[in-house]
Amino acid sequence: EVIRCAITLKLCQHEETGAIVAALTTSIPEAAHSER
């Protein structure tokens, strides 16, 4: 579990600049039909 999470956190880094994104997606709602 730890290895998989570590690999995925590394995938969230844009290596060219070093920035780390909060997630790989946009606009998946926090709850159904919430518009969050």
Full PDB file with SEQRES, HELIX, SHEET, SSBOND, CRYST1, ORIGX, SCALE, CONECT and MASTER records, all heavy atoms in Angstrom:
SEQRES   1 A   36  GLU VAL ILE ARG CYS ALA ILE THR LEU LYS LEU CYS GLN          
SEQRES   2 A   36  HIS GLU GLU THR GLY ALA ILE VAL ALA ALA LEU THR THR          
SEQRES   3 A   36  SER ILE PRO GLU ALA ALA HIS SER GLU ARG                      
HELIX    1 AA1 VAL A    2  LEU A   11  1                                  10    
SHEET    1 AA1 2 GLN A  13  HIS A  14  0                                        
SHEET    2 AA1 2 ALA A  19  ILE A  20 -1                                        
CRYST1    1.000    1.000    1.000  90.00  90.00  90.00 P 1           1          
ORIGX1      1.000000  0.000000  0.000000        0.00000                         
ORIGX2      0.000000  1.000000  0.000000        0.00000                         
ORIGX3      0.000000  0.000000  1.000000        0.00000                         
SCALE1      1.000000  0.000000  0.000000        0.00000                         
SCALE2      0.000000  1.000000  0.000000        0.00000                         
SCALE3      0.000000  0.000000  1.000000        0.00000                         
ATOM      1  N   GLU A   1       0.835  -1.201   0.000  1.00  0.00           N  
ATOM      2  CA  GLU A   1       0.000   0.000   0.000  1.00  0.00           C  
ATOM      3  C   GLU A   1       0.872   1.255   0.000  1.00  0.00           C  
ATOM      4  O   GLU A   1       0.602   2.221  -0.726  1.00  0.00           O  
ATOM      5  CB  GLU A   1      -0.916   0.000   1.232  1.00  0.00           C  
ATOM      6  CG  GLU A   1      -2.001  -1.061   1.199  1.00  0.00           C  
ATOM      7  CD  GLU A   1      -1.566  -2.416   1.780  1.00  0.00           C  
ATOM      8  OE1 GLU A   1      -0.341  -2.651   1.949  1.00  0.00           O  
ATOM      9  OE2 GLU A   1      -2.444  -3.246   2.055  1.00  0.00           O  
ATOM     10  N   VAL A   2       1.910   1.257   0.815  1.00  0.00           N  
ATOM     11  CA  VAL A   2       2.802   2.418   0.907  1.00  0.00           C  
ATOM     12  C   VAL A   2       3.557   2.623  -0.404  1.00  0.00           C  
ATOM     13  O   VAL A   2       3.667   3.754  -0.903  1.00  0.00           O  
ATOM     14  CB  VAL A   2       3.777   2.254   2.096  1.00  0.00           C  
ATOM     15  CG1 VAL A   2       4.902   3.286   2.027  1.00  0.00           C  
ATOM     16  CG2 VAL A   2       3.028   2.374   3.419  1.00  0.00           C  
ATOM     17  N   ILE A   3       4.050   1.553  -0.988  1.00  0.00           N  
ATOM     18  CA  ILE A   3       4.787   1.654  -2.257  1.00  0.00           C  
ATOM     19  C   ILE A   3       3.886   2.220  -3.356  1.00  0.00           C  
ATOM     20  O   ILE A   3       4.291   3.110  -4.115  1.00  0.00           O  
ATOM     21  CB  ILE A   3       5.354   0.271  -2.665  1.00  0.00           C  
ATOM     22  CG1 ILE A   3       6.529  -0.098  -1.747  1.00  0.00           C  
ATOM     23  CG2 ILE A   3       5.784   0.262  -4.135  1.00  0.00           C  
ATOM     24  CD1 ILE A   3       6.990  -1.542  -1.890  1.00  0.00           C  
ATOM     25  N   ARG A   4       2.655   1.730  -3.423  1.00  0.00           N  
ATOM     26  CA  ARG A   4       1.746   2.212  -4.480  1.00  0.00           C  
ATOM     27  C   ARG A   4       1.442   3.695  -4.291  1.00  0.00           C  
ATOM     28  O   ARG A   4       1.412   4.454  -5.262  1.00  0.00           O  
ATOM     29  CB  ARG A   4       0.456   1.381  -4.462  1.00  0.00           C  
ATOM     30  CG  ARG A   4      -0.544   1.733  -5.556  1.00  0.00           C  
ATOM     31  CD  ARG A   4       0.048   1.710  -6.946  1.00  0.00           C  
ATOM     32  NE  ARG A   4       0.776   0.501  -7.231  1.00  0.00           N  
ATOM     33  CZ  ARG A   4       1.670   0.399  -8.211  1.00  0.00           C  
ATOM     34  NH1 ARG A   4       1.949   1.439  -8.977  1.00  0.00           N  
ATOM     35  NH2 ARG A   4       2.307  -0.743  -8.425  1.00  0.00           N  
ATOM     36  N   CYS A   5       1.224   4.108  -3.047  1.00  0.00           N  
ATOM     37  CA  CYS A   5       0.952   5.529  -2.789  1.00  0.00           C  
ATOM     38  C   CYS A   5       2.178   6.382  -3.100  1.00  0.00           C  
ATOM     39  O   CYS A   5       2.043   7.488  -3.641  1.00  0.00           O  
ATOM     40  CB  CYS A   5       0.509   5.728  -1.338  1.00  0.00           C  
ATOM     41  SG  CYS A   5      -1.139   5.083  -0.999  1.00  0.00           S  
ATOM     42  N   ALA A   6       3.359   5.885  -2.781  1.00  0.00           N  
ATOM     43  CA  ALA A   6       4.587   6.653  -3.049  1.00  0.00           C  
ATOM     44  C   ALA A   6       4.801   6.835  -4.547  1.00  0.00           C  
ATOM     45  O   ALA A   6       5.112   7.946  -5.019  1.00  0.00           O  
ATOM     46  CB  ALA A   6       5.793   5.945  -2.420  1.00  0.00           C  
ATOM     47  N   ILE A   7       4.632   5.767  -5.320  1.00  0.00           N  
ATOM     48  CA  ILE A   7       4.772   5.855  -6.782  1.00  0.00           C  
ATOM     49  C   ILE A   7       3.783   6.884  -7.330  1.00  0.00           C  
ATOM     50  O   ILE A   7       4.132   7.726  -8.169  1.00  0.00           O  
ATOM     51  CB  ILE A   7       4.533   4.478  -7.439  1.00  0.00           C  
ATOM     52  CG1 ILE A   7       5.715   3.537  -7.174  1.00  0.00           C  
ATOM     53  CG2 ILE A   7       4.301   4.616  -8.951  1.00  0.00           C  
ATOM     54  CD1 ILE A   7       5.475   2.101  -7.624  1.00  0.00           C  
ATOM     55  N   THR A   8       2.560   6.844  -6.835  1.00  0.00           N  
ATOM     56  CA  THR A   8       1.517   7.724  -7.365  1.00  0.00           C  
ATOM     57  C   THR A   8       1.778   9.176  -6.968  1.00  0.00           C  
ATOM     58  O   THR A   8       1.543  10.093  -7.771  1.00  0.00           O  
ATOM     59  CB  THR A   8       0.139   7.250  -6.896  1.00  0.00           C  
ATOM     60  OG1 THR A   8       0.009   5.845  -7.208  1.00  0.00           O  
ATOM     61  CG2 THR A   8      -0.973   8.003  -7.593  1.00  0.00           C  
ATOM     62  N   LEU A   9       2.262   9.414  -5.751  1.00  0.00           N  
ATOM     63  CA  LEU A   9       2.641  10.778  -5.368  1.00  0.00           C  
ATOM     64  C   LEU A   9       3.730  11.302  -6.292  1.00  0.00           C  
ATOM     65  O   LEU A   9       3.699  12.468  -6.703  1.00  0.00           O  
ATOM     66  CB  LEU A   9       3.121  10.820  -3.913  1.00  0.00           C  
ATOM     67  CG  LEU A   9       2.053  10.676  -2.832  1.00  0.00           C  
ATOM     68  CD1 LEU A   9       2.691  10.736  -1.447  1.00  0.00           C  
ATOM     69  CD2 LEU A   9       0.970  11.734  -2.949  1.00  0.00           C  
ATOM     70  N   LYS A  10       4.681  10.458  -6.636  1.00  0.00           N  
ATOM     71  CA  LYS A  10       5.739  10.894  -7.554  1.00  0.00           C  
ATOM     72  C   LYS A  10       5.170  11.222  -8.935  1.00  0.00           C  
ATOM     73  O   LYS A  10       5.603  12.184  -9.579  1.00  0.00           O  
ATOM     74  CB  LYS A  10       6.841   9.831  -7.667  1.00  0.00           C  
ATOM     75  CG  LYS A  10       8.049  10.292  -8.490  1.00  0.00           C  
ATOM     76  CD  LYS A  10       9.212   9.342  -8.350  1.00  0.00           C  
ATOM     77  CE  LYS A  10      10.337   9.657  -9.319  1.00  0.00           C  
ATOM     78  NZ  LYS A  10      10.967  10.967  -9.098  1.00  0.00           N  
ATOM     79  N   LEU A  11       4.155  10.467  -9.370  1.00  0.00           N  
ATOM     80  CA  LEU A  11       3.505  10.762 -10.657  1.00  0.00           C  
ATOM     81  C   LEU A  11       2.811  12.116 -10.638  1.00  0.00           C  
ATOM     82  O   LEU A  11       2.538  12.695 -11.690  1.00  0.00           O  
ATOM     83  CB  LEU A  11       2.479   9.680 -11.003  1.00  0.00           C  
ATOM     84  CG  LEU A  11       3.003   8.298 -11.374  1.00  0.00           C  
ATOM     85  CD1 LEU A  11       1.841   7.368 -11.700  1.00  0.00           C  
ATOM     86  CD2 LEU A  11       3.973   8.357 -12.550  1.00  0.00           C  
ATOM     87  N   CYS A  12       2.501  12.619  -9.439  1.00  0.00           N  
ATOM     88  CA  CYS A  12       1.833  13.922  -9.319  1.00  0.00           C  
ATOM     89  C   CYS A  12       2.824  15.080  -9.349  1.00  0.00           C  
ATOM     90  O   CYS A  12       2.402  16.241  -9.235  1.00  0.00           O  
ATOM     91  CB  CYS A  12       0.992  13.971  -8.036  1.00  0.00           C  
ATOM     92  SG  CYS A  12      -0.471  12.912  -8.115  1.00  0.00           S  
ATOM     93  N   GLN A  13       4.118  14.784  -9.482  1.00  0.00           N  
ATOM     94  CA  GLN A  13       5.102  15.860  -9.631  1.00  0.00           C  
ATOM     95  C   GLN A  13       5.354  16.137 -11.110  1.00  0.00           C  
ATOM     96  O   GLN A  13       5.551  15.215 -11.903  1.00  0.00           O  
ATOM     97  CB  GLN A  13       6.425  15.504  -8.959  1.00  0.00           C  
ATOM     98  CG  GLN A  13       7.466  16.627  -9.094  1.00  0.00           C  
ATOM     99  CD  GLN A  13       8.651  16.478  -8.157  1.00  0.00           C  
ATOM    100  OE1 GLN A  13       9.347  15.467  -8.174  1.00  0.00           O  
ATOM    101  NE2 GLN A  13       8.892  17.497  -7.345  1.00  0.00           N  
ATOM    102  N   HIS A  14       5.321  17.431 -11.472  1.00  0.00           N  
ATOM    103  CA  HIS A  14       5.719  17.845 -12.814  1.00  0.00           C  
ATOM    104  C   HIS A  14       7.224  18.088 -12.745  1.00  0.00           C  
ATOM    105  O   HIS A  14       7.678  19.132 -12.283  1.00  0.00           O  
ATOM    106  CB  HIS A  14       4.974  19.106 -13.245  1.00  0.00           C  
ATOM    107  CG  HIS A  14       5.282  19.532 -14.638  1.00  0.00           C  
ATOM    108  ND1 HIS A  14       4.887  18.811 -15.746  1.00  0.00           N  
ATOM    109  CD2 HIS A  14       5.983  20.594 -15.120  1.00  0.00           C  
ATOM    110  CE1 HIS A  14       5.318  19.417 -16.843  1.00  0.00           C  
ATOM    111  NE2 HIS A  14       5.981  20.491 -16.484  1.00  0.00           N  
ATOM    112  N   GLU A  15       7.981  17.099 -13.189  1.00  0.00           N  
ATOM    113  CA  GLU A  15       9.414  17.086 -12.893  1.00  0.00           C  
ATOM    114  C   GLU A  15      10.174  18.260 -13.495  1.00  0.00           C  
ATOM    115  O   GLU A  15      11.167  18.726 -12.933  1.00  0.00           O  
ATOM    116  CB  GLU A  15      10.024  15.769 -13.377  1.00  0.00           C  
ATOM    117  CG  GLU A  15      11.447  15.565 -12.904  1.00  0.00           C  
ATOM    118  CD  GLU A  15      11.945  14.179 -13.217  1.00  0.00           C  
ATOM    119  OE1 GLU A  15      12.035  13.821 -14.404  1.00  0.00           O  
ATOM    120  OE2 GLU A  15      12.242  13.448 -12.251  1.00  0.00           O  
ATOM    121  N   GLU A  16       9.714  18.748 -14.630  1.00  0.00           N  
ATOM    122  CA  GLU A  16      10.403  19.844 -15.301  1.00  0.00           C  
ATOM    123  C   GLU A  16      10.615  21.037 -14.365  1.00  0.00           C  
ATOM    124  O   GLU A  16      11.670  21.660 -14.366  1.00  0.00           O  
ATOM    125  CB  GLU A  16       9.586  20.268 -16.525  1.00  0.00           C  
ATOM    126  CG  GLU A  16      10.236  21.345 -17.357  1.00  0.00           C  
ATOM    127  CD  GLU A  16       9.372  21.756 -18.535  1.00  0.00           C  
ATOM    128  OE1 GLU A  16       8.203  21.304 -18.632  1.00  0.00           O  
ATOM    129  OE2 GLU A  16       9.869  22.532 -19.356  1.00  0.00           O  
ATOM    130  N   THR A  17       9.601  21.344 -13.540  1.00  0.00           N  
ATOM    131  CA  THR A  17       9.692  22.497 -12.633  1.00  0.00           C  
ATOM    132  C   THR A  17       9.781  22.089 -11.169  1.00  0.00           C  
ATOM    133  O   THR A  17      10.201  22.890 -10.333  1.00  0.00           O  
ATOM    134  CB  THR A  17       8.455  23.403 -12.786  1.00  0.00           C  
ATOM    135  OG1 THR A  17       7.285  22.652 -12.433  1.00  0.00           O  
ATOM    136  CG2 THR A  17       8.333  23.926 -14.207  1.00  0.00           C  
ATOM    137  N   GLY A  18       9.356  20.867 -10.841  1.00  0.00           N  
ATOM    138  CA  GLY A  18       9.329  20.419  -9.449  1.00  0.00           C  
ATOM    139  C   GLY A  18       7.990  20.578  -8.773  1.00  0.00           C  
ATOM    140  O   GLY A  18       7.795  20.133  -7.637  1.00  0.00           O  
ATOM    141  N   ALA A  19       7.021  21.220  -9.451  1.00  0.00           N  
ATOM    142  CA  ALA A  19       5.688  21.424  -8.858  1.00  0.00           C  
ATOM    143  C   ALA A  19       4.998  20.084  -8.607  1.00  0.00           C  
ATOM    144  O   ALA A  19       5.229  19.106  -9.322  1.00  0.00           O  
ATOM    145  CB  ALA A  19       4.840  22.274  -9.793  1.00  0.00           C  
ATOM    146  N   ILE A  20       4.133  20.061  -7.597  1.00  0.00           N  
ATOM    147  CA  ILE A  20       3.357  18.859  -7.281  1.00  0.00           C  
ATOM    148  C   ILE A  20       1.883  19.238  -7.327  1.00  0.00           C  
ATOM    149  O   ILE A  20       1.457  20.182  -6.655  1.00  0.00           O  
ATOM    150  CB  ILE A  20       3.713  18.325  -5.881  1.00  0.00           C  
ATOM    151  CG1 ILE A  20       5.198  17.930  -5.828  1.00  0.00           C  
ATOM    152  CG2 ILE A  20       2.837  17.126  -5.511  1.00  0.00           C  
ATOM    153  CD1 ILE A  20       5.723  17.705  -4.426  1.00  0.00           C  
ATOM    154  N   VAL A  21       1.108  18.520  -8.136  1.00  0.00           N  
ATOM    155  CA  VAL A  21      -0.316  18.859  -8.247  1.00  0.00           C  
ATOM    156  C   VAL A  21      -1.111  18.122  -7.170  1.00  0.00           C  
ATOM    157  O   VAL A  21      -0.697  17.075  -6.672  1.00  0.00           O  
ATOM    158  CB  VAL A  21      -0.883  18.544  -9.650  1.00  0.00           C  
ATOM    159  CG1 VAL A  21      -0.214  19.417 -10.698  1.00  0.00           C  
ATOM    160  CG2 VAL A  21      -0.739  17.064 -10.002  1.00  0.00           C  
ATOM    161  N   ALA A  22      -2.275  18.691  -6.812  1.00  0.00           N  
ATOM    162  CA  ALA A  22      -3.109  18.102  -5.764  1.00  0.00           C  
ATOM    163  C   ALA A  22      -3.773  16.808  -6.229  1.00  0.00           C  
ATOM    164  O   ALA A  22      -4.023  15.907  -5.433  1.00  0.00           O  
ATOM    165  CB  ALA A  22      -4.169  19.100  -5.312  1.00  0.00           C  
ATOM    166  N   ALA A  23      -4.076  16.710  -7.522  1.00  0.00           N  
ATOM    167  CA  ALA A  23      -4.659  15.500  -8.115  1.00  0.00           C  
ATOM    168  C   ALA A  23      -4.460  15.585  -9.624  1.00  0.00           C  
ATOM    169  O   ALA A  23      -4.096  16.642 -10.154  1.00  0.00           O  
ATOM    170  CB  ALA A  23      -6.148  15.370  -7.766  1.00  0.00           C  
ATOM    171  N   LEU A  24      -4.721  14.479 -10.315  1.00  0.00           N  
ATOM    172  CA  LEU A  24      -4.514  14.443 -11.768  1.00  0.00           C  
ATOM    173  C   LEU A  24      -5.758  14.860 -12.548  1.00  0.00           C  
ATOM    174  O   LEU A  24      -5.720  14.926 -13.771  1.00  0.00           O  
ATOM    175  CB  LEU A  24      -4.086  13.030 -12.194  1.00  0.00           C  
ATOM    176  CG  LEU A  24      -2.765  12.531 -11.587  1.00  0.00           C  
ATOM    177  CD1 LEU A  24      -2.489  11.099 -12.036  1.00  0.00           C  
ATOM    178  CD2 LEU A  24      -1.595  13.440 -11.963  1.00  0.00           C  
ATOM    179  N   THR A  25      -6.861  15.141 -11.828  1.00  0.00           N  
ATOM    180  CA  THR A  25      -8.136  15.409 -12.513  1.00  0.00           C  
ATOM    181  C   THR A  25      -8.708  16.773 -12.141  1.00  0.00           C  
ATOM    182  O   THR A  25      -8.256  17.432 -11.211  1.00  0.00           O  
ATOM    183  CB  THR A  25      -9.184  14.344 -12.147  1.00  0.00           C  
ATOM    184  OG1 THR A  25      -9.349  14.330 -10.726  1.00  0.00           O  
ATOM    185  CG2 THR A  25      -8.779  12.967 -12.631  1.00  0.00           C  
ATOM    186  N   THR A  26      -9.740  17.132 -12.868  1.00  0.00           N  
ATOM    187  CA  THR A  26     -10.573  18.283 -12.529  1.00  0.00           C  
ATOM    188  C   THR A  26     -12.026  17.833 -12.430  1.00  0.00           C  
ATOM    189  O   THR A  26     -12.448  16.891 -13.121  1.00  0.00           O  
ATOM    190  CB  THR A  26     -10.459  19.411 -13.576  1.00  0.00           C  
ATOM    191  OG1 THR A  26     -11.371  20.457 -13.228  1.00  0.00           O  
ATOM    192  CG2 THR A  26     -10.796  18.937 -14.985  1.00  0.00           C  
ATOM    193  N   SER A  27     -12.781  18.494 -11.562  1.00  0.00           N  
ATOM    194  CA  SER A  27     -14.259  18.472 -11.599  1.00  0.00           C  
ATOM    195  C   SER A  27     -14.930  17.149 -11.287  1.00  0.00           C  
ATOM    196  O   SER A  27     -16.084  16.940 -11.657  1.00  0.00           O  
ATOM    197  CB  SER A  27     -14.750  18.978 -12.965  1.00  0.00           C  
ATOM    198  OG  SER A  27     -14.217  20.262 -13.209  1.00  0.00           O  
ATOM    199  N   ILE A  28     -14.240  16.224 -10.604  1.00  0.00           N  
ATOM    200  CA  ILE A  28     -14.973  15.075 -10.066  1.00  0.00           C  
ATOM    201  C   ILE A  28     -15.686  15.591  -8.816  1.00  0.00           C  
ATOM    202  O   ILE A  28     -15.025  16.084  -7.900  1.00  0.00           O  
ATOM    203  CB  ILE A  28     -14.030  13.916  -9.691  1.00  0.00           C  
ATOM    204  CG1 ILE A  28     -13.066  13.626 -10.828  1.00  0.00           C  
ATOM    205  CG2 ILE A  28     -14.832  12.694  -9.253  1.00  0.00           C  
ATOM    206  CD1 ILE A  28     -13.367  12.540 -11.750  1.00  0.00           C  
ATOM    207  N   PRO A  29     -17.011  15.545  -8.724  1.00  0.00           N  
ATOM    208  CA  PRO A  29     -17.722  16.186  -7.611  1.00  0.00           C  
ATOM    209  C   PRO A  29     -17.334  15.592  -6.252  1.00  0.00           C  
ATOM    210  O   PRO A  29     -17.062  14.393  -6.147  1.00  0.00           O  
ATOM    211  CB  PRO A  29     -19.195  15.904  -7.915  1.00  0.00           C  
ATOM    212  CG  PRO A  29     -19.249  15.416  -9.320  1.00  0.00           C  
ATOM    213  CD  PRO A  29     -17.920  14.842  -9.645  1.00  0.00           C  
ATOM    214  N   GLU A  30     -17.347  16.442  -5.223  1.00  0.00           N  
ATOM    215  CA  GLU A  30     -17.080  15.963  -3.865  1.00  0.00           C  
ATOM    216  C   GLU A  30     -18.248  15.142  -3.335  1.00  0.00           C  
ATOM    217  O   GLU A  30     -18.094  14.354  -2.394  1.00  0.00           O  
ATOM    218  CB  GLU A  30     -16.803  17.141  -2.928  1.00  0.00           C  
ATOM    219  CG  GLU A  30     -15.501  17.860  -3.262  1.00  0.00           C  
ATOM    220  CD  GLU A  30     -15.249  19.065  -2.375  1.00  0.00           C  
ATOM    221  OE1 GLU A  30     -15.881  19.163  -1.297  1.00  0.00           O  
ATOM    222  OE2 GLU A  30     -14.418  19.904  -2.746  1.00  0.00           O  
ATOM    223  N   ALA A  31     -19.414  15.352  -3.894  1.00  0.00           N  
ATOM    224  CA  ALA A  31     -20.601  14.552  -3.589  1.00  0.00           C  
ATOM    225  C   ALA A  31     -21.518  14.662  -4.805  1.00  0.00           C  
ATOM    226  O   ALA A  31     -21.415  15.610  -5.589  1.00  0.00           O  
ATOM    227  CB  ALA A  31     -21.301  15.076  -2.340  1.00  0.00           C  
ATOM    228  N   ALA A  32     -22.390  13.692  -4.968  1.00  0.00           N  
ATOM    229  CA  ALA A  32     -23.261  13.656  -6.148  1.00  0.00           C  
ATOM    230  C   ALA A  32     -24.071  14.950  -6.274  1.00  0.00           C  
ATOM    231  O   ALA A  32     -24.677  15.418  -5.308  1.00  0.00           O  
ATOM    232  CB  ALA A  32     -24.205  12.454  -6.069  1.00  0.00           C  
ATOM    233  N   HIS A  33     -24.051  15.526  -7.471  1.00  0.00           N  
ATOM    234  CA  HIS A  33     -24.847  16.722  -7.801  1.00  0.00           C  
ATOM    235  C   HIS A  33     -24.598  17.900  -6.854  1.00  0.00           C  
ATOM    236  O   HIS A  33     -25.463  18.748  -6.672  1.00  0.00           O  
ATOM    237  CB  HIS A  33     -26.351  16.380  -7.810  1.00  0.00           C  
ATOM    238  CG  HIS A  33     -26.695  15.264  -8.740  1.00  0.00           C  
ATOM    239  ND1 HIS A  33     -26.691  15.407 -10.117  1.00  0.00           N  
ATOM    240  CD2 HIS A  33     -27.015  13.966  -8.492  1.00  0.00           C  
ATOM    241  CE1 HIS A  33     -27.023  14.246 -10.671  1.00  0.00           C  
ATOM    242  NE2 HIS A  33     -27.217  13.359  -9.714  1.00  0.00           N  
ATOM    243  N   SER A  34     -23.405  17.961  -6.267  1.00  0.00           N  
ATOM    244  CA  SER A  34     -23.120  19.018  -5.286  1.00  0.00           C  
ATOM    245  C   SER A  34     -22.585  20.292  -5.931  1.00  0.00           C  
ATOM    246  O   SER A  34     -22.574  21.346  -5.303  1.00  0.00           O  
ATOM    247  CB  SER A  34     -22.071  18.516  -4.286  1.00  0.00           C  
ATOM    248  OG  SER A  34     -20.840  18.273  -4.956  1.00  0.00           O  
ATOM    249  N   GLU A  35     -22.120  20.183  -7.185  1.00  0.00           N  
ATOM    250  CA  GLU A  35     -21.429  21.269  -7.885  1.00  0.00           C  
ATOM    251  C   GLU A  35     -20.144  21.691  -7.174  1.00  0.00           C  
ATOM    252  O   GLU A  35     -19.545  22.715  -7.500  1.00  0.00           O  
ATOM    253  CB  GLU A  35     -22.343  22.475  -8.124  1.00  0.00           C  
ATOM    254  CG  GLU A  35     -23.475  22.153  -9.086  1.00  0.00           C  
ATOM    255  CD  GLU A  35     -24.175  23.380  -9.643  1.00  0.00           C  
ATOM    256  OE1 GLU A  35     -23.613  24.486  -9.548  1.00  0.00           O  
ATOM    257  OE2 GLU A  35     -25.281  23.215 -10.191  1.00  0.00           O  
ATOM    258  N   ARG A  36     -19.710  20.890  -6.186  1.00  0.00           N  
ATOM    259  CA  ARG A  36     -18.386  21.112  -5.590  1.00  0.00           C  
ATOM    260  C   ARG A  36     -17.382  20.438  -6.524  1.00  0.00           C  
ATOM    261  O   ARG A  36     -16.792  19.407  -6.197  1.00  0.00           O  
ATOM    262  CB  ARG A  36     -18.307  20.489  -4.195  1.00  0.00           C  
ATOM    263  CG  ARG A  36     -19.257  21.072  -3.152  1.00  0.00           C  
ATOM    264  CD  ARG A  36     -19.127  20.271  -1.858  1.00  0.00           C  
ATOM    265  NE  ARG A  36     -20.126  20.599  -0.860  1.00  0.00           N  
ATOM    266  CZ  ARG A  36     -19.916  21.402   0.190  1.00  0.00           C  
ATOM    267  NH1 ARG A  36     -18.748  21.972   0.357  1.00  0.00           N  
ATOM    268  NH2 ARG A  36     -20.871  21.631   1.074  1.00  0.00           N  
TER     269      ARG A  36                                                      
MASTER        0    0    0    1    2    0    0    6  268    1    0    3          
END                                                                             
